[in-house]
């Protein structure tokens, strides 16, 4: 059952625990949304230029992974990491060709593995870390709290896309 309260999760400082609560709530709703999807559903694309649900799930995992690298390690992806995650990060034509033919468990495992690493890292940090600031290459400032807000924002946005695709998929199945 999904808990509809934002409160500090145990094992974390107060604000960090609240962030974790929001991350976990966001993920629980996403997992509930996709739990009964079959491979064909995950690979379905509305048209030639759209993304599949599977590609969006892979993208959600990739965004969390990248934000972990940036915030926990203070760097961009190395060549090995970029090679592994680039297609999911960029989506587009390459993703349409290669992110397919996987069961729901594949995507759930990706999401779970990245989240496990995220929670392990966040548990080592405190509320002051959330406020730590840095600057993008173009000089625009950000803090760690924003990075993790963006992880949630991105997942919620793509979950909306997933819901839209599911509605179109159901219409197609009925016709």
C-alpha atoms as a PDB file:
ATOM      1  CA  UNK A   1       0.000   0.000   0.000  1.00  0.00           C
ATOM      2  CA  UNK A   2       1.275   3.451  -0.910  1.00  0.00           C
ATOM      3  CA  UNK A   3       1.657   5.889   1.997  1.00  0.00           C
ATOM      4  CA  UNK A   4       0.424   9.376   1.117  1.00  0.00           C
ATOM      5  CA  UNK A   5       2.382  11.243   3.796  1.00  0.00           C
ATOM      6  CA  UNK A   6       5.705  13.022   3.421  1.00  0.00           C
ATOM      7  CA  UNK A   7       7.751  12.298   6.492  1.00  0.00           C
ATOM      8  CA  UNK A   8      11.331  11.550   7.290  1.00  0.00           C
ATOM      9  CA  UNK A   9      12.332   7.948   6.597  1.00  0.00           C
ATOM     10  CA  UNK A  10      14.342   6.310   9.364  1.00  0.00           C
ATOM     11  CA  UNK A  11      18.101   6.096   9.032  1.00  0.00           C
ATOM     12  CA  UNK A  12      18.374   9.516   7.395  1.00  0.00           C
ATOM     13  CA  UNK A  13      18.675  13.069   8.692  1.00  0.00           C
ATOM     14  CA  UNK A  14      15.379  15.005   8.693  1.00  0.00           C
ATOM     15  CA  UNK A  15      15.424  16.710   5.271  1.00  0.00           C
ATOM     16  CA  UNK A  16      17.273  13.800   3.698  1.00  0.00           C
ATOM     17  CA  UNK A  17      14.622  11.455   5.068  1.00  0.00           C
ATOM     18  CA  UNK A  18      11.886  13.613   3.577  1.00  0.00           C
ATOM     19  CA  UNK A  19      13.674  13.592   0.215  1.00  0.00           C
ATOM     20  CA  UNK A  20      13.966   9.810   0.389  1.00  0.00           C
ATOM     21  CA  UNK A  21      10.277   9.583   1.262  1.00  0.00           C
ATOM     22  CA  UNK A  22       9.408  11.605  -1.856  1.00  0.00           C
ATOM     23  CA  UNK A  23      11.768   9.587  -4.063  1.00  0.00           C
ATOM     24  CA  UNK A  24      10.291   6.338  -2.787  1.00  0.00           C
ATOM     25  CA  UNK A  25       6.701   7.564  -3.168  1.00  0.00           C
ATOM     26  CA  UNK A  26       7.417   8.645  -6.738  1.00  0.00           C
ATOM     27  CA  UNK A  27       8.876   5.223  -7.495  1.00  0.00           C
ATOM     28  CA  UNK A  28       6.045   3.317  -5.802  1.00  0.00           C
ATOM     29  CA  UNK A  29       3.486   5.097  -7.986  1.00  0.00           C
ATOM     30  CA  UNK A  30       5.553   4.406 -11.114  1.00  0.00           C
ATOM     31  CA  UNK A  31       5.883   0.718 -10.245  1.00  0.00           C
ATOM     32  CA  UNK A  32       2.150   0.468  -9.590  1.00  0.00           C
ATOM     33  CA  UNK A  33       1.498   2.031 -12.999  1.00  0.00           C
ATOM     34  CA  UNK A  34       3.644  -0.496 -14.901  1.00  0.00           C
ATOM     35  CA  UNK A  35       3.281  -3.693 -12.883  1.00  0.00           C
ATOM     36  CA  UNK A  36       1.029  -5.572 -15.296  1.00  0.00           C
ATOM     37  CA  UNK A  37       2.651  -4.558 -18.561  1.00  0.00           C
ATOM     38  CA  UNK A  38       3.795  -7.264 -20.942  1.00  0.00           C
ATOM     39  CA  UNK A  39       6.750  -7.087 -23.334  1.00  0.00           C
ATOM     40  CA  UNK A  40       4.537  -6.025 -26.245  1.00  0.00           C
ATOM     41  CA  UNK A  41       3.107  -3.205 -24.120  1.00  0.00           C
ATOM     42  CA  UNK A  42       6.601  -2.070 -23.126  1.00  0.00           C
ATOM     43  CA  UNK A  43       7.738  -2.009 -26.778  1.00  0.00           C
ATOM     44  CA  UNK A  44       4.604  -0.316 -28.181  1.00  0.00           C
ATOM     45  CA  UNK A  45       5.185   3.068 -29.802  1.00  0.00           C
ATOM     46  CA  UNK A  46       2.389   5.400 -30.764  1.00  0.00           C
ATOM     47  CA  UNK A  47       4.208   6.374 -33.963  1.00  0.00           C
ATOM     48  CA  UNK A  48       7.613   6.154 -35.596  1.00  0.00           C
ATOM     49  CA  UNK A  49       9.069   9.096 -33.683  1.00  0.00           C
ATOM     50  CA  UNK A  50       7.770   8.288 -30.196  1.00  0.00           C
ATOM     51  CA  UNK A  51       9.399   6.465 -27.308  1.00  0.00           C
ATOM     52  CA  UNK A  52       8.195   3.204 -25.871  1.00  0.00           C
ATOM     53  CA  UNK A  53       7.314   2.683 -22.229  1.00  0.00           C
ATOM     54  CA  UNK A  54      10.395   0.478 -21.912  1.00  0.00           C
ATOM     55  CA  UNK A  55      12.618   3.256 -23.248  1.00  0.00           C
ATOM     56  CA  UNK A  56      11.080   5.740 -20.816  1.00  0.00           C
ATOM     57  CA  UNK A  57      11.667   3.374 -17.885  1.00  0.00           C
ATOM     58  CA  UNK A  58      15.280   2.885 -18.962  1.00  0.00           C
ATOM     59  CA  UNK A  59      15.581   6.681 -19.235  1.00  0.00           C
ATOM     60  CA  UNK A  60      14.232   7.152 -15.695  1.00  0.00           C
ATOM     61  CA  UNK A  61      16.929   4.796 -14.385  1.00  0.00           C
ATOM     62  CA  UNK A  62      19.616   6.563 -16.432  1.00  0.00           C
ATOM     63  CA  UNK A  63      18.679  10.022 -15.127  1.00  0.00           C
ATOM     64  CA  UNK A  64      18.908   8.788 -11.536  1.00  0.00           C
ATOM     65  CA  UNK A  65      22.255   7.136 -12.243  1.00  0.00           C
ATOM     66  CA  UNK A  66      23.696  10.302 -13.823  1.00  0.00           C
ATOM     67  CA  UNK A  67      22.493  12.523 -11.009  1.00  0.00           C
ATOM     68  CA  UNK A  68      24.118  10.138  -8.557  1.00  0.00           C
ATOM     69  CA  UNK A  69      27.435  10.430 -10.375  1.00  0.00           C
ATOM     70  CA  UNK A  70      27.194  14.221 -10.458  1.00  0.00           C
ATOM     71  CA  UNK A  71      26.079  14.702  -6.853  1.00  0.00           C
ATOM     72  CA  UNK A  72      27.869  11.863  -5.053  1.00  0.00           C
ATOM     73  CA  UNK A  73      31.113  11.870  -7.014  1.00  0.00           C
ATOM     74  CA  UNK A  74      31.274  15.455  -8.326  1.00  0.00           C
ATOM     75  CA  UNK A  75      31.944  14.482 -11.909  1.00  0.00           C
ATOM     76  CA  UNK A  76      30.369  13.672 -15.251  1.00  0.00           C
ATOM     77  CA  UNK A  77      30.013  10.169 -16.623  1.00  0.00           C
ATOM     78  CA  UNK A  78      33.217   8.437 -17.632  1.00  0.00           C
ATOM     79  CA  UNK A  79      33.465   6.713 -21.027  1.00  0.00           C
ATOM     80  CA  UNK A  80      32.328   3.314 -19.718  1.00  0.00           C
ATOM     81  CA  UNK A  81      29.291   4.813 -17.944  1.00  0.00           C
ATOM     82  CA  UNK A  82      28.430   6.984 -20.922  1.00  0.00           C
ATOM     83  CA  UNK A  83      28.630   3.977 -23.223  1.00  0.00           C
ATOM     84  CA  UNK A  84      26.244   2.039 -20.972  1.00  0.00           C
ATOM     85  CA  UNK A  85      23.682   4.835 -20.440  1.00  0.00           C
ATOM     86  CA  UNK A  86      23.910   7.165 -23.487  1.00  0.00           C
ATOM     87  CA  UNK A  87      21.086   5.614 -25.491  1.00  0.00           C
ATOM     88  CA  UNK A  88      18.685   5.722 -22.555  1.00  0.00           C
ATOM     89  CA  UNK A  89      19.722   9.267 -21.655  1.00  0.00           C
ATOM     90  CA  UNK A  90      19.305  10.640 -25.160  1.00  0.00           C
ATOM     91  CA  UNK A  91      16.348   8.478 -26.231  1.00  0.00           C
ATOM     92  CA  UNK A  92      15.715   9.180 -29.930  1.00  0.00           C
ATOM     93  CA  UNK A  93      16.292   6.872 -32.891  1.00  0.00           C
ATOM     94  CA  UNK A  94      18.960   4.673 -31.293  1.00  0.00           C
ATOM     95  CA  UNK A  95      16.698   4.008 -28.308  1.00  0.00           C
ATOM     96  CA  UNK A  96      13.817   3.120 -30.629  1.00  0.00           C
ATOM     97  CA  UNK A  97      16.047   0.531 -32.311  1.00  0.00           C
ATOM     98  CA  UNK A  98      17.715  -1.007 -29.255  1.00  0.00           C
ATOM     99  CA  UNK A  99      15.570  -0.592 -26.135  1.00  0.00           C
ATOM    100  CA  UNK A 100      13.078  -3.353 -26.726  1.00  0.00           C
ATOM    101  CA  UNK A 101      12.252  -7.029 -26.311  1.00  0.00           C
ATOM    102  CA  UNK A 102      12.704  -7.010 -22.537  1.00  0.00           C
ATOM    103  CA  UNK A 103      10.207  -8.176 -19.913  1.00  0.00           C
ATOM    104  CA  UNK A 104       8.938  -5.850 -17.194  1.00  0.00           C
ATOM    105  CA  UNK A 105      11.330  -7.473 -14.715  1.00  0.00           C
ATOM    106  CA  UNK A 106      14.287  -6.145 -16.712  1.00  0.00           C
ATOM    107  CA  UNK A 107      13.175  -2.540 -16.269  1.00  0.00           C
ATOM    108  CA  UNK A 108      12.138  -3.022 -12.656  1.00  0.00           C
ATOM    109  CA  UNK A 109      15.562  -4.519 -11.894  1.00  0.00           C
ATOM    110  CA  UNK A 110      17.305  -1.536 -13.522  1.00  0.00           C
ATOM    111  CA  UNK A 111      15.224   0.913 -11.519  1.00  0.00           C
ATOM    112  CA  UNK A 112      15.802  -1.088  -8.327  1.00  0.00           C
ATOM    113  CA  UNK A 113      19.562  -1.436  -8.753  1.00  0.00           C
ATOM    114  CA  UNK A 114      20.048   2.274  -9.343  1.00  0.00           C
ATOM    115  CA  UNK A 115      17.736   3.153  -6.442  1.00  0.00           C
ATOM    116  CA  UNK A 116      19.573   0.777  -4.093  1.00  0.00           C
ATOM    117  CA  UNK A 117      22.824   2.584  -4.881  1.00  0.00           C
ATOM    118  CA  UNK A 118      21.141   5.981  -4.468  1.00  0.00           C
ATOM    119  CA  UNK A 119      19.745   5.124  -1.039  1.00  0.00           C
ATOM    120  CA  UNK A 120      23.075   3.691   0.094  1.00  0.00           C
ATOM    121  CA  UNK A 121      24.838   6.933  -0.862  1.00  0.00           C
ATOM    122  CA  UNK A 122      22.153   9.217   0.591  1.00  0.00           C
ATOM    123  CA  UNK A 123      22.315   7.364   3.906  1.00  0.00           C
ATOM    124  CA  UNK A 124      25.959   8.473   4.268  1.00  0.00           C
ATOM    125  CA  UNK A 125      25.055  12.152   3.842  1.00  0.00           C
ATOM    126  CA  UNK A 126      23.208  14.800   5.834  1.00  0.00           C
ATOM    127  CA  UNK A 127      20.937  17.799   5.374  1.00  0.00           C
ATOM    128  CA  UNK A 128      23.885  20.173   4.897  1.00  0.00           C
ATOM    129  CA  UNK A 129      24.920  18.170   1.814  1.00  0.00           C
ATOM    130  CA  UNK A 130      21.567  18.952   0.201  1.00  0.00           C
ATOM    131  CA  UNK A 131      22.371  22.674   0.306  1.00  0.00           C
ATOM    132  CA  UNK A 132      25.907  22.294  -1.088  1.00  0.00           C
ATOM    133  CA  UNK A 133      26.234  24.311  -4.268  1.00  0.00           C
ATOM    134  CA  UNK A 134      28.117  23.810  -7.473  1.00  0.00           C
ATOM    135  CA  UNK A 135      28.010  25.324 -10.962  1.00  0.00           C
ATOM    136  CA  UNK A 136      27.325  23.826 -14.350  1.00  0.00           C
ATOM    137  CA  UNK A 137      29.951  24.359 -17.041  1.00  0.00           C
ATOM    138  CA  UNK A 138      28.035  27.442 -18.217  1.00  0.00           C
ATOM    139  CA  UNK A 139      28.276  29.027 -14.752  1.00  0.00           C
ATOM    140  CA  UNK A 140      24.672  28.401 -13.679  1.00  0.00           C
ATOM    141  CA  UNK A 141      24.543  27.398  -9.986  1.00  0.00           C
ATOM    142  CA  UNK A 142      22.687  24.396  -8.588  1.00  0.00           C
ATOM    143  CA  UNK A 143      22.567  22.508  -5.316  1.00  0.00           C
ATOM    144  CA  UNK A 144      22.267  18.815  -4.531  1.00  0.00           C
ATOM    145  CA  UNK A 145      18.691  19.230  -3.374  1.00  0.00           C
ATOM    146  CA  UNK A 146      17.761  20.528  -6.838  1.00  0.00           C
ATOM    147  CA  UNK A 147      19.486  17.586  -8.546  1.00  0.00           C
ATOM    148  CA  UNK A 148      17.364  15.115  -6.606  1.00  0.00           C
ATOM    149  CA  UNK A 149      14.222  17.187  -7.072  1.00  0.00           C
ATOM    150  CA  UNK A 150      14.943  16.930 -10.804  1.00  0.00           C
ATOM    151  CA  UNK A 151      15.213  13.130 -10.567  1.00  0.00           C
ATOM    152  CA  UNK A 152      11.665  13.071  -9.152  1.00  0.00           C
ATOM    153  CA  UNK A 153      10.429  15.710 -11.594  1.00  0.00           C
ATOM    154  CA  UNK A 154      11.793  13.726 -14.540  1.00  0.00           C
ATOM    155  CA  UNK A 155      10.253  10.466 -13.351  1.00  0.00           C
ATOM    156  CA  UNK A 156       6.865  12.080 -12.746  1.00  0.00           C
ATOM    157  CA  UNK A 157       6.958  13.710 -16.184  1.00  0.00           C
ATOM    158  CA  UNK A 158       7.763  10.430 -17.912  1.00  0.00           C
ATOM    159  CA  UNK A 159       5.148   8.589 -15.858  1.00  0.00           C
ATOM    160  CA  UNK A 160       2.625  10.982 -17.394  1.00  0.00           C
ATOM    161  CA  UNK A 161       3.894   9.971 -20.817  1.00  0.00           C
ATOM    162  CA  UNK A 162       3.639   6.310 -19.818  1.00  0.00           C
ATOM    163  CA  UNK A 163      -0.006   6.815 -18.816  1.00  0.00           C
ATOM    164  CA  UNK A 164      -0.742   8.469 -22.153  1.00  0.00           C
ATOM    165  CA  UNK A 165       0.926   5.628 -24.054  1.00  0.00           C
ATOM    166  CA  UNK A 166      -1.030   3.082 -22.002  1.00  0.00           C
ATOM    167  CA  UNK A 167      -4.324   4.782 -22.908  1.00  0.00           C
ATOM    168  CA  UNK A 168      -3.375   4.728 -26.589  1.00  0.00           C
ATOM    169  CA  UNK A 169      -2.279   1.131 -26.257  1.00  0.00           C
ATOM    170  CA  UNK A 170      -5.634   0.163 -24.706  1.00  0.00           C
ATOM    171  CA  UNK A 171      -7.468   1.943 -27.536  1.00  0.00           C
ATOM    172  CA  UNK A 172      -5.405  -0.001 -30.065  1.00  0.00           C
ATOM    173  CA  UNK A 173      -6.120  -3.316 -28.311  1.00  0.00           C
ATOM    174  CA  UNK A 174      -9.865  -2.594 -28.298  1.00  0.00           C
ATOM    175  CA  UNK A 175      -9.975  -1.766 -32.016  1.00  0.00           C
END
